[in-house]
């Protein structure tokens, strides 16, 4: 369930970040090609995706979306198509552990 949620957030967030960033992006993050506008699009669409997808809930998903957007902005060494969903899944997992009292 968490992997599916992570990929759903990533796929939609990444696609809209690319579309909005290329079309409307004017403010680049230092040291990279990503834009602030693309990052905002990732967060907005990622939150919307998390809200409609049956999963861990928004209290757990919202921090995962923001962490995924932050991971998207980082410069390489690891491809963002690997890095971003892994970060989202990790934050979702930690959030579920915390909310269920495991941690």
PDB file of N, CA and C in Angstrom:
ATOM      1  N   UNK A   1       0.811  -1.194   0.000  1.00  0.00           N
ATOM      2  CA  UNK A   1       0.000   0.000   0.000  1.00  0.00           C
ATOM      3  C   UNK A   1       0.860   1.266   0.000  1.00  0.00           C
ATOM      4  N   UNK A   2       1.925   1.268   0.800  1.00  0.00           N
ATOM      5  CA  UNK A   2       2.771   2.461   0.861  1.00  0.00           C
ATOM      6  C   UNK A   2       3.566   2.661  -0.427  1.00  0.00           C
ATOM      7  N   UNK A   3       4.026   1.580  -1.027  1.00  0.00           N
ATOM      8  CA  UNK A   3       4.761   1.695  -2.294  1.00  0.00           C
ATOM      9  C   UNK A   3       3.853   2.237  -3.393  1.00  0.00           C
ATOM     10  N   UNK A   4       2.628   1.761  -3.440  1.00  0.00           N
ATOM     11  CA  UNK A   4       1.678   2.246  -4.435  1.00  0.00           C
ATOM     12  C   UNK A   4       1.385   3.725  -4.219  1.00  0.00           C
ATOM     13  N   UNK A   5       1.186   4.119  -2.976  1.00  0.00           N
ATOM     14  CA  UNK A   5       0.952   5.524  -2.663  1.00  0.00           C
ATOM     15  C   UNK A   5       2.161   6.366  -3.057  1.00  0.00           C
ATOM     16  N   UNK A   6       3.357   5.884  -2.745  1.00  0.00           N
ATOM     17  CA  UNK A   6       4.583   6.621  -3.084  1.00  0.00           C
ATOM     18  C   UNK A   6       4.704   6.816  -4.595  1.00  0.00           C
ATOM     19  N   UNK A   7       4.465   5.777  -5.366  1.00  0.00           N
ATOM     20  CA  UNK A   7       4.570   5.904  -6.820  1.00  0.00           C
ATOM     21  C   UNK A   7       3.467   6.777  -7.398  1.00  0.00           C
ATOM     22  N   UNK A   8       2.281   6.711  -6.844  1.00  0.00           N
ATOM     23  CA  UNK A   8       1.174   7.548  -7.311  1.00  0.00           C
ATOM     24  C   UNK A   8       1.516   9.031  -7.102  1.00  0.00           C
ATOM     25  N   UNK A   9       2.004   9.357  -5.926  1.00  0.00           N
ATOM     26  CA  UNK A   9       2.421  10.730  -5.629  1.00  0.00           C
ATOM     27  C   UNK A   9       3.565  11.138  -6.554  1.00  0.00           C
ATOM     28  N   UNK A  10       4.553  10.265  -6.686  1.00  0.00           N
ATOM     29  CA  UNK A  10       5.725  10.579  -7.502  1.00  0.00           C
ATOM     30  C   UNK A  10       5.367  10.780  -8.969  1.00  0.00           C
ATOM     31  N   UNK A  11       4.621   9.864  -9.536  1.00  0.00           N
ATOM     32  CA  UNK A  11       4.323   9.931 -10.969  1.00  0.00           C
ATOM     33  C   UNK A  11       3.566  11.214 -11.305  1.00  0.00           C
ATOM     34  N   UNK A  12       2.527  11.508 -10.549  1.00  0.00           N
ATOM     35  CA  UNK A  12       1.754  12.721 -10.831  1.00  0.00           C
ATOM     36  C   UNK A  12       2.539  13.983 -10.481  1.00  0.00           C
ATOM     37  N   UNK A  13       3.185  13.992  -9.328  1.00  0.00           N
ATOM     38  CA  UNK A  13       3.956  15.167  -8.924  1.00  0.00           C
ATOM     39  C   UNK A  13       5.094  15.472  -9.870  1.00  0.00           C
ATOM     40  N   UNK A  14       5.825  14.450 -10.282  1.00  0.00           N
ATOM     41  CA  UNK A  14       6.955  14.633 -11.191  1.00  0.00           C
ATOM     42  C   UNK A  14       6.492  15.126 -12.566  1.00  0.00           C
ATOM     43  N   UNK A  15       5.421  14.550 -13.063  1.00  0.00           N
ATOM     44  CA  UNK A  15       4.911  14.949 -14.381  1.00  0.00           C
ATOM     45  C   UNK A  15       4.491  16.415 -14.375  1.00  0.00           C
ATOM     46  N   UNK A  16       3.748  16.822 -13.362  1.00  0.00           N
ATOM     47  CA  UNK A  16       3.295  18.208 -13.316  1.00  0.00           C
ATOM     48  C   UNK A  16       4.438  19.163 -13.002  1.00  0.00           C
ATOM     49  N   UNK A  17       5.416  18.729 -12.210  1.00  0.00           N
ATOM     50  CA  UNK A  17       6.585  19.573 -11.949  1.00  0.00           C
ATOM     51  C   UNK A  17       7.327  19.850 -13.251  1.00  0.00           C
ATOM     52  N   UNK A  18       7.474  18.835 -14.079  1.00  0.00           N
ATOM     53  CA  UNK A  18       8.157  19.019 -15.365  1.00  0.00           C
ATOM     54  C   UNK A  18       7.357  19.940 -16.280  1.00  0.00           C
ATOM     55  N   UNK A  19       6.056  19.699 -16.386  1.00  0.00           N
ATOM     56  CA  UNK A  19       5.217  20.523 -17.268  1.00  0.00           C
ATOM     57  C   UNK A  19       5.196  21.985 -16.830  1.00  0.00           C
ATOM     58  N   UNK A  20       4.930  22.211 -15.579  1.00  0.00           N
ATOM     59  CA  UNK A  20       4.834  23.576 -15.067  1.00  0.00           C
ATOM     60  C   UNK A  20       6.214  24.240 -15.040  1.00  0.00           C
ATOM     61  N   UNK A  21       7.218  23.492 -14.627  1.00  0.00           N
ATOM     62  CA  UNK A  21       8.576  24.043 -14.576  1.00  0.00           C
ATOM     63  C   UNK A  21       9.080  24.482 -15.941  1.00  0.00           C
ATOM     64  N   UNK A  22       8.814  23.686 -16.961  1.00  0.00           N
ATOM     65  CA  UNK A  22       9.255  24.047 -18.317  1.00  0.00           C
ATOM     66  C   UNK A  22       8.449  25.207 -18.882  1.00  0.00           C
ATOM     67  N   UNK A  23       7.164  25.202 -18.639  1.00  0.00           N
ATOM     68  CA  UNK A  23       6.297  26.228 -19.219  1.00  0.00           C
ATOM     69  C   UNK A  23       6.365  27.558 -18.477  1.00  0.00           C
ATOM     70  N   UNK A  24       6.351  27.500 -17.152  1.00  0.00           N
ATOM     71  CA  UNK A  24       6.233  28.714 -16.353  1.00  0.00           C
ATOM     72  C   UNK A  24       7.421  28.984 -15.444  1.00  0.00           C
ATOM     73  N   UNK A  25       8.380  28.067 -15.411  1.00  0.00           N
ATOM     74  CA  UNK A  25       9.512  28.195 -14.494  1.00  0.00           C
ATOM     75  C   UNK A  25      10.402  29.381 -14.808  1.00  0.00           C
ATOM     76  N   UNK A  26      10.550  30.267 -13.865  1.00  0.00           N
ATOM     77  CA  UNK A  26      11.400  31.449 -14.025  1.00  0.00           C
ATOM     78  C   UNK A  26      12.465  31.538 -12.931  1.00  0.00           C
ATOM     79  N   UNK A  27      12.229  30.854 -11.822  1.00  0.00           N
ATOM     80  CA  UNK A  27      13.121  30.952 -10.666  1.00  0.00           C
ATOM     81  C   UNK A  27      13.810  29.607 -10.439  1.00  0.00           C
ATOM     82  N   UNK A  28      15.060  29.518 -10.830  1.00  0.00           N
ATOM     83  CA  UNK A  28      15.820  28.265 -10.711  1.00  0.00           C
ATOM     84  C   UNK A  28      16.412  28.129  -9.310  1.00  0.00           C
ATOM     85  N   UNK A  29      16.426  26.875  -8.835  1.00  0.00           N
ATOM     86  CA  UNK A  29      17.095  26.568  -7.573  1.00  0.00           C
ATOM     87  C   UNK A  29      18.598  26.676  -7.803  1.00  0.00           C
ATOM     88  N   UNK A  30      19.345  27.143  -6.811  1.00  0.00           N
ATOM     89  CA  UNK A  30      20.798  27.273  -6.983  1.00  0.00           C
ATOM     90  C   UNK A  30      21.461  25.928  -7.318  1.00  0.00           C
ATOM     91  N   UNK A  31      22.324  25.957  -8.296  1.00  0.00           N
ATOM     92  CA  UNK A  31      23.106  24.775  -8.644  1.00  0.00           C
ATOM     93  C   UNK A  31      22.374  23.709  -9.426  1.00  0.00           C
ATOM     94  N   UNK A  32      21.218  24.023  -9.968  1.00  0.00           N
ATOM     95  CA  UNK A  32      20.469  23.003 -10.693  1.00  0.00           C
ATOM     96  C   UNK A  32      19.582  23.598 -11.768  1.00  0.00           C
ATOM     97  N   UNK A  33      18.851  22.708 -12.408  1.00  0.00           N
ATOM     98  CA  UNK A  33      17.958  23.147 -13.476  1.00  0.00           C
ATOM     99  C   UNK A  33      16.496  23.169 -13.036  1.00  0.00           C
ATOM    100  N   UNK A  34      16.208  22.730 -11.838  1.00  0.00           N
ATOM    101  CA  UNK A  34      14.825  22.697 -11.333  1.00  0.00           C
ATOM    102  C   UNK A  34      14.358  24.106 -10.988  1.00  0.00           C
ATOM    103  N   UNK A  35      13.052  24.303 -11.042  1.00  0.00           N
ATOM    104  CA  UNK A  35      12.513  25.633 -10.753  1.00  0.00           C
ATOM    105  C   UNK A  35      11.608  25.605  -9.527  1.00  0.00           C
ATOM    106  N   UNK A  36      11.473  26.760  -8.921  1.00  0.00           N
ATOM    107  CA  UNK A  36      10.575  26.910  -7.786  1.00  0.00           C
ATOM    108  C   UNK A  36       9.144  26.609  -8.201  1.00  0.00           C
ATOM    109  N   UNK A  37       8.766  27.060  -9.399  1.00  0.00           N
ATOM    110  CA  UNK A  37       7.412  26.829  -9.896  1.00  0.00           C
ATOM    111  C   UNK A  37       7.133  25.334 -10.076  1.00  0.00           C
ATOM    112  N   UNK A  38       8.114  24.596 -10.563  1.00  0.00           N
ATOM    113  CA  UNK A  38       7.967  23.150 -10.696  1.00  0.00           C
ATOM    114  C   UNK A  38       7.844  22.465  -9.342  1.00  0.00           C
ATOM    115  N   UNK A  39       8.600  22.947  -8.377  1.00  0.00           N
ATOM    116  CA  UNK A  39       8.531  22.385  -7.023  1.00  0.00           C
ATOM    117  C   UNK A  39       7.160  22.622  -6.404  1.00  0.00           C
ATOM    118  N   UNK A  40       6.634  23.823  -6.575  1.00  0.00           N
ATOM    119  CA  UNK A  40       5.293  24.125  -6.059  1.00  0.00           C
ATOM    120  C   UNK A  40       4.259  23.224  -6.736  1.00  0.00           C
ATOM    121  N   UNK A  41       4.405  23.023  -8.042  1.00  0.00           N
ATOM    122  CA  UNK A  41       3.484  22.140  -8.767  1.00  0.00           C
ATOM    123  C   UNK A  41       3.570  20.713  -8.219  1.00  0.00           C
ATOM    124  N   UNK A  42       4.778  20.232  -7.945  1.00  0.00           N
ATOM    125  CA  UNK A  42       4.960  18.898  -7.378  1.00  0.00           C
ATOM    126  C   UNK A  42       4.198  18.791  -6.056  1.00  0.00           C
ATOM    127  N   UNK A  43       4.358  19.787  -5.198  1.00  0.00           N
ATOM    128  CA  UNK A  43       3.719  19.743  -3.881  1.00  0.00           C
ATOM    129  C   UNK A  43       2.198  19.798  -4.009  1.00  0.00           C
ATOM    130  N   UNK A  44       1.683  20.707  -4.813  1.00  0.00           N
ATOM    131  CA  UNK A  44       0.228  20.858  -4.953  1.00  0.00           C
ATOM    132  C   UNK A  44      -0.395  19.588  -5.528  1.00  0.00           C
ATOM    133  N   UNK A  45       0.182  19.081  -6.614  1.00  0.00           N
ATOM    134  CA  UNK A  45      -0.372  17.886  -7.259  1.00  0.00           C
ATOM    135  C   UNK A  45      -0.131  16.652  -6.389  1.00  0.00           C
ATOM    136  N   UNK A  46       1.017  16.582  -5.736  1.00  0.00           N
ATOM    137  CA  UNK A  46       1.288  15.463  -4.836  1.00  0.00           C
ATOM    138  C   UNK A  46       0.311  15.410  -3.674  1.00  0.00           C
ATOM    139  N   UNK A  47      -0.003  16.565  -3.107  1.00  0.00           N
ATOM    140  CA  UNK A  47      -0.990  16.613  -2.022  1.00  0.00           C
ATOM    141  C   UNK A  47      -2.377  16.226  -2.517  1.00  0.00           C
ATOM    142  N   UNK A  48      -2.734  16.690  -3.715  1.00  0.00           N
ATOM    143  CA  UNK A  48      -4.034  16.308  -4.291  1.00  0.00           C
ATOM    144  C   UNK A  48      -4.079  14.804  -4.544  1.00  0.00           C
ATOM    145  N   UNK A  49      -2.992  14.244  -5.059  1.00  0.00           N
ATOM    146  CA  UNK A  49      -2.937  12.799  -5.310  1.00  0.00           C
ATOM    147  C   UNK A  49      -3.071  12.026  -4.005  1.00  0.00           C
ATOM    148  N   UNK A  50      -2.371  12.481  -2.968  1.00  0.00           N
ATOM    149  CA  UNK A  50      -2.447  11.817  -1.662  1.00  0.00           C
ATOM    150  C   UNK A  50      -3.845  11.912  -1.070  1.00  0.00           C
ATOM    151  N   UNK A  51      -4.524  13.030  -1.335  1.00  0.00           N
ATOM    152  CA  UNK A  51      -5.865  13.227  -0.777  1.00  0.00           C
ATOM    153  C   UNK A  51      -6.895  12.287  -1.402  1.00  0.00           C
ATOM    154  N   UNK A  52      -6.735  11.969  -2.677  1.00  0.00           N
ATOM    155  CA  UNK A  52      -7.732  11.126  -3.356  1.00  0.00           C
ATOM    156  C   UNK A  52      -7.365   9.646  -3.342  1.00  0.00           C
ATOM    157  N   UNK A  53      -6.123   9.340  -3.010  1.00  0.00           N
ATOM    158  CA  UNK A  53      -5.685   7.950  -3.026  1.00  0.00           C
ATOM    159  C   UNK A  53      -5.903   7.325  -1.656  1.00  0.00           C
ATOM    160  N   UNK A  54      -6.535   6.157  -1.620  1.00  0.00           N
ATOM    161  CA  UNK A  54      -6.717   5.515  -0.313  1.00  0.00           C
ATOM    162  C   UNK A  54      -5.369   5.022   0.209  1.00  0.00           C
ATOM    163  N   UNK A  55      -4.950   5.577   1.289  1.00  0.00           N
ATOM    164  CA  UNK A  55      -3.641   5.211   1.818  1.00  0.00           C
ATOM    165  C   UNK A  55      -3.524   5.615   3.264  1.00  0.00           C
ATOM    166  N   UNK A  56      -2.337   6.041   3.656  1.00  0.00           N
ATOM    167  CA  UNK A  56      -2.084   6.306   5.069  1.00  0.00           C
ATOM    168  C   UNK A  56      -2.718   7.576   5.618  1.00  0.00           C
ATOM    169  N   UNK A  57      -3.279   8.421   4.799  1.00  0.00           N
ATOM    170  CA  UNK A  57      -3.906   9.651   5.278  1.00  0.00           C
ATOM    171  C   UNK A  57      -2.990  10.849   5.099  1.00  0.00           C
ATOM    172  N   UNK A  58      -3.592  12.021   5.172  1.00  0.00           N
ATOM    173  CA  UNK A  58      -2.861  13.248   4.877  1.00  0.00           C
ATOM    174  C   UNK A  58      -1.817  13.611   5.934  1.00  0.00           C
ATOM    175  N   UNK A  59      -2.034  13.271   7.195  1.00  0.00           N
ATOM    176  CA  UNK A  59      -1.026  13.596   8.210  1.00  0.00           C
ATOM    177  C   UNK A  59       0.283  12.865   7.962  1.00  0.00           C
ATOM    178  N   UNK A  60       0.202  11.707   7.363  1.00  0.00           N
ATOM    179  CA  UNK A  60       1.396  10.933   7.022  1.00  0.00           C
ATOM    180  C   UNK A  60       1.888  11.301   5.622  1.00  0.00           C
ATOM    181  N   UNK A  61       0.960  11.520   4.701  1.00  0.00           N
ATOM    182  CA  UNK A  61       1.325  11.758   3.304  1.00  0.00           C
ATOM    183  C   UNK A  61       1.898  13.140   3.045  1.00  0.00           C
ATOM    184  N   UNK A  62       1.402  14.160   3.723  1.00  0.00           N
ATOM    185  CA  UNK A  62       1.860  15.530   3.459  1.00  0.00           C
ATOM    186  C   UNK A  62       3.374  15.695   3.659  1.00  0.00           C
ATOM    187  N   UNK A  63       3.941  15.220   4.767  1.00  0.00           N
ATOM    188  CA  UNK A  63       5.401  15.333   4.902  1.00  0.00           C
ATOM    189  C   UNK A  63       6.152  14.533   3.828  1.00  0.00           C
ATOM    190  N   UNK A  64       5.576  13.420   3.395  1.00  0.00           N
ATOM    191  CA  UNK A  64       6.207  12.615   2.349  1.00  0.00           C
ATOM    192  C   UNK A  64       6.228  13.363   1.021  1.00  0.00           C
ATOM    193  N   UNK A  65       5.153  14.084   0.721  1.00  0.00           N
ATOM    194  CA  UNK A  65       5.089  14.878  -0.511  1.00  0.00           C
ATOM    195  C   UNK A  65       6.157  15.974  -0.474  1.00  0.00           C
ATOM    196  N   UNK A  66       6.265  16.673   0.627  1.00  0.00           N
ATOM    197  CA  UNK A  66       7.247  17.755   0.753  1.00  0.00           C
ATOM    198  C   UNK A  66       8.671  17.189   0.677  1.00  0.00           C
ATOM    199  N   UNK A  67       8.911  16.059   1.314  1.00  0.00           N
ATOM    200  CA  UNK A  67      10.234  15.428   1.238  1.00  0.00           C
ATOM    201  C   UNK A  67      10.544  14.987  -0.191  1.00  0.00           C
ATOM    202  N   UNK A  68       9.543  14.474  -0.889  1.00  0.00           N
ATOM    203  CA  UNK A  68       9.740  14.089  -2.285  1.00  0.00           C
ATOM    204  C   UNK A  68      10.063  15.275  -3.163  1.00  0.00           C
ATOM    205  N   UNK A  69       9.378  16.390  -2.939  1.00  0.00           N
ATOM    206  CA  UNK A  69       9.661  17.609  -3.702  1.00  0.00           C
ATOM    207  C   UNK A  69      11.077  18.103  -3.419  1.00  0.00           C
ATOM    208  N   UNK A  70      11.501  18.011  -2.166  1.00  0.00           N
ATOM    209  CA  UNK A  70      12.871  18.416  -1.814  1.00  0.00           C
ATOM    210  C   UNK A  70      13.898  17.487  -2.467  1.00  0.00           C
ATOM    211  N   UNK A  71      13.610  16.198  -2.486  1.00  0.00           N
ATOM    212  CA  UNK A  71      14.519  15.244  -3.120  1.00  0.00           C
ATOM    213  C   UNK A  71      14.603  15.469  -4.624  1.00  0.00           C
ATOM    214  N   UNK A  72      13.526  15.940  -5.210  1.00  0.00           N
ATOM    215  CA  UNK A  72      13.494  16.243  -6.649  1.00  0.00           C
ATOM    216  C   UNK A  72      14.456  17.373  -6.992  1.00  0.00           C
ATOM    217  N   UNK A  73      14.599  18.327  -6.105  1.00  0.00           N
ATOM    218  CA  UNK A  73      15.424  19.506  -6.351  1.00  0.00           C
ATOM    219  C   UNK A  73      16.918  19.213  -6.234  1.00  0.00           C
ATOM    220  N   UNK A  74      17.273  18.231  -5.435  1.00  0.00           N
ATOM    221  CA  UNK A  74      18.690  17.941  -5.196  1.00  0.00           C
ATOM    222  C   UNK A  74      19.435  17.662  -6.506  1.00  0.00           C
ATOM    223  N   UNK A  75      20.682  18.147  -6.589  1.00  0.00           N
ATOM    224  CA  UNK A  75      21.472  17.805  -7.772  1.00  0.00           C
ATOM    225  C   UNK A  75      21.828  16.328  -7.759  1.00  0.00           C
ATOM    226  N   UNK A  76      22.190  15.826  -8.879  1.00  0.00           N
ATOM    227  CA  UNK A  76      22.515  14.406  -8.998  1.00  0.00           C
ATOM    228  C   UNK A  76      23.585  14.024  -8.011  1.00  0.00           C
ATOM    229  N   UNK A  77      23.708  12.906  -7.483  1.00  0.00           N
ATOM    230  CA  UNK A  77      24.453  11.772  -7.967  1.00  0.00           C
ATOM    231  C   UNK A  77      23.542  10.615  -8.330  1.00  0.00           C
ATOM    232  N   UNK A  78      22.348  10.572  -7.814  1.00  0.00           N
ATOM    233  CA  UNK A  78      21.455   9.451  -8.087  1.00  0.00           C
ATOM    234  C   UNK A  78      20.263   9.969  -8.884  1.00  0.00           C
ATOM    235  N   UNK A  79      19.870   9.221  -9.890  1.00  0.00           N
ATOM    236  CA  UNK A  79      18.751   9.599 -10.745  1.00  0.00           C
ATOM    237  C   UNK A  79      17.516   9.908  -9.897  1.00  0.00           C
ATOM    238  N   UNK A  80      16.854  11.028 -10.205  1.00  0.00           N
ATOM    239  CA  UNK A  80      15.699  11.432  -9.402  1.00  0.00           C
ATOM    240  C   UNK A  80      14.519  10.483  -9.564  1.00  0.00           C
ATOM    241  N   UNK A  81      14.480   9.703 -10.622  1.00  0.00           N
ATOM    242  CA  UNK A  81      13.401   8.718 -10.789  1.00  0.00           C
ATOM    243  C   UNK A  81      13.561   7.542  -9.828  1.00  0.00           C
ATOM    244  N   UNK A  82      14.716   7.406  -9.239  1.00  0.00           N
ATOM    245  CA  UNK A  82      14.947   6.404  -8.191  1.00  0.00           C
ATOM    246  C   UNK A  82      14.871   7.083  -6.826  1.00  0.00           C
ATOM    247  N   UNK A  83      15.579   8.191  -6.705  1.00  0.00           N
ATOM    248  CA  UNK A  83      15.702   8.886  -5.418  1.00  0.00           C
ATOM    249  C   UNK A  83      14.358   9.358  -4.871  1.00  0.00           C
ATOM    250  N   UNK A  84      13.538   9.989  -5.696  1.00  0.00           N
ATOM    251  CA  UNK A  84      12.307  10.612  -5.203  1.00  0.00           C
ATOM    252  C   UNK A  84      11.296   9.588  -4.671  1.00  0.00           C
ATOM    253  N   UNK A  85      10.947   8.526  -5.424  1.00  0.00           N
ATOM    254  CA  UNK A  85       9.986   7.574  -4.849  1.00  0.00           C
ATOM    255  C   UNK A  85      10.522   6.849  -3.613  1.00  0.00           C
ATOM    256  N   UNK A  86      11.843   6.637  -3.549  1.00  0.00           N
ATOM    257  CA  UNK A  86      12.418   6.001  -2.362  1.00  0.00           C
ATOM    258  C   UNK A  86      12.268   6.917  -1.151  1.00  0.00           C
ATOM    259  N   UNK A  87      12.527   8.207  -1.334  1.00  0.00           N
ATOM    260  CA  UNK A  87      12.370   9.164  -0.235  1.00  0.00           C
ATOM    261  C   UNK A  87      10.912   9.231   0.208  1.00  0.00           C
ATOM    262  N   UNK A  88       9.998   9.316  -0.756  1.00  0.00           N
ATOM    263  CA  UNK A  88       8.573   9.372  -0.411  1.00  0.00           C
ATOM    264  C   UNK A  88       8.160   8.120   0.356  1.00  0.00           C
ATOM    265  N   UNK A  89       8.555   6.945  -0.137  1.00  0.00           N
ATOM    266  CA  UNK A  89       8.205   5.686   0.531  1.00  0.00           C
ATOM    267  C   UNK A  89       8.803   5.615   1.933  1.00  0.00           C
ATOM    268  N   UNK A  90      10.038   6.083   2.093  1.00  0.00           N
ATOM    269  CA  UNK A  90      10.681   6.052   3.410  1.00  0.00           C
ATOM    270  C   UNK A  90       9.945   6.951   4.396  1.00  0.00           C
ATOM    271  N   UNK A  91       9.576   8.159   3.962  1.00  0.00           N
ATOM    272  CA  UNK A  91       8.864   9.075   4.858  1.00  0.00           C
ATOM    273  C   UNK A  91       7.469   8.544   5.169  1.00  0.00           C
ATOM    274  N   UNK A  92       6.802   7.953   4.182  1.00  0.00           N
ATOM    275  CA  UNK A  92       5.497   7.324   4.450  1.00  0.00           C
ATOM    276  C   UNK A  92       5.636   6.216   5.494  1.00  0.00           C
ATOM    277  N   UNK A  93       6.649   5.384   5.336  1.00  0.00           N
ATOM    278  CA  UNK A  93       6.870   4.273   6.267  1.00  0.00           C
ATOM    279  C   UNK A  93       7.123   4.784   7.682  1.00  0.00           C
ATOM    280  N   UNK A  94       7.992   5.759   7.803  1.00  0.00           N
ATOM    281  CA  UNK A  94       8.286   6.327   9.122  1.00  0.00           C
ATOM    282  C   UNK A  94       7.031   6.971   9.716  1.00  0.00           C
ATOM    283  N   UNK A  95       6.267   7.673   8.883  1.00  0.00           N
ATOM    284  CA  UNK A  95       5.023   8.283   9.356  1.00  0.00           C
ATOM    285  C   UNK A  95       4.022   7.269   9.858  1.00  0.00           C
ATOM    286  N   UNK A  96       3.892   6.144   9.152  1.00  0.00           N
ATOM    287  CA  UNK A  96       2.981   5.088   9.592  1.00  0.00           C
ATOM    288  C   UNK A  96       3.482   4.483  10.895  1.00  0.00           C
ATOM    289  N   UNK A  97       4.785   4.265  10.992  1.00  0.00           N
ATOM    290  CA  UNK A  97       5.342   3.728  12.246  1.00  0.00           C
ATOM    291  C   UNK A  97       5.056   4.655  13.414  1.00  0.00           C
ATOM    292  N   UNK A  98       5.269   5.934  13.216  1.00  0.00           N
ATOM    293  CA  UNK A  98       5.040   6.911  14.289  1.00  0.00           C
ATOM    294  C   UNK A  98       3.552   6.957  14.656  1.00  0.00           C
ATOM    295  N   UNK A  99       2.680   7.007  13.641  1.00  0.00           N
ATOM    296  CA  UNK A  99       1.247   7.122  13.927  1.00  0.00           C
ATOM    297  C   UNK A  99       0.677   5.860  14.566  1.00  0.00           C
ATOM    298  N   UNK A 100       1.317   4.724  14.337  1.00  0.00           N
ATOM    299  CA  UNK A 100       0.821   3.479  14.935  1.00  0.00           C
ATOM    300  C   UNK A 100       1.516   3.145  16.269  1.00  0.00           C
ATOM    301  N   UNK A 101       2.475   3.988  16.664  1.00  0.00           N
ATOM    302  CA  UNK A 101       3.143   3.785  17.935  1.00  0.00           C
ATOM    303  C   UNK A 101       4.300   2.818  17.904  1.00  0.00           C
ATOM    304  N   UNK A 102       4.736   2.416  16.717  1.00  0.00           N
ATOM    305  CA  UNK A 102       5.873   1.485  16.619  1.00  0.00           C
ATOM    306  C   UNK A 102       7.172   2.183  17.000  1.00  0.00           C
ATOM    307  N   UNK A 103       7.273   3.469  16.638  1.00  0.00           N
ATOM    308  CA  UNK A 103       8.498   4.218  16.948  1.00  0.00           C
ATOM    309  C   UNK A 103       8.221   5.154  18.077  1.00  0.00           C
TER     310      UNK A 103
END
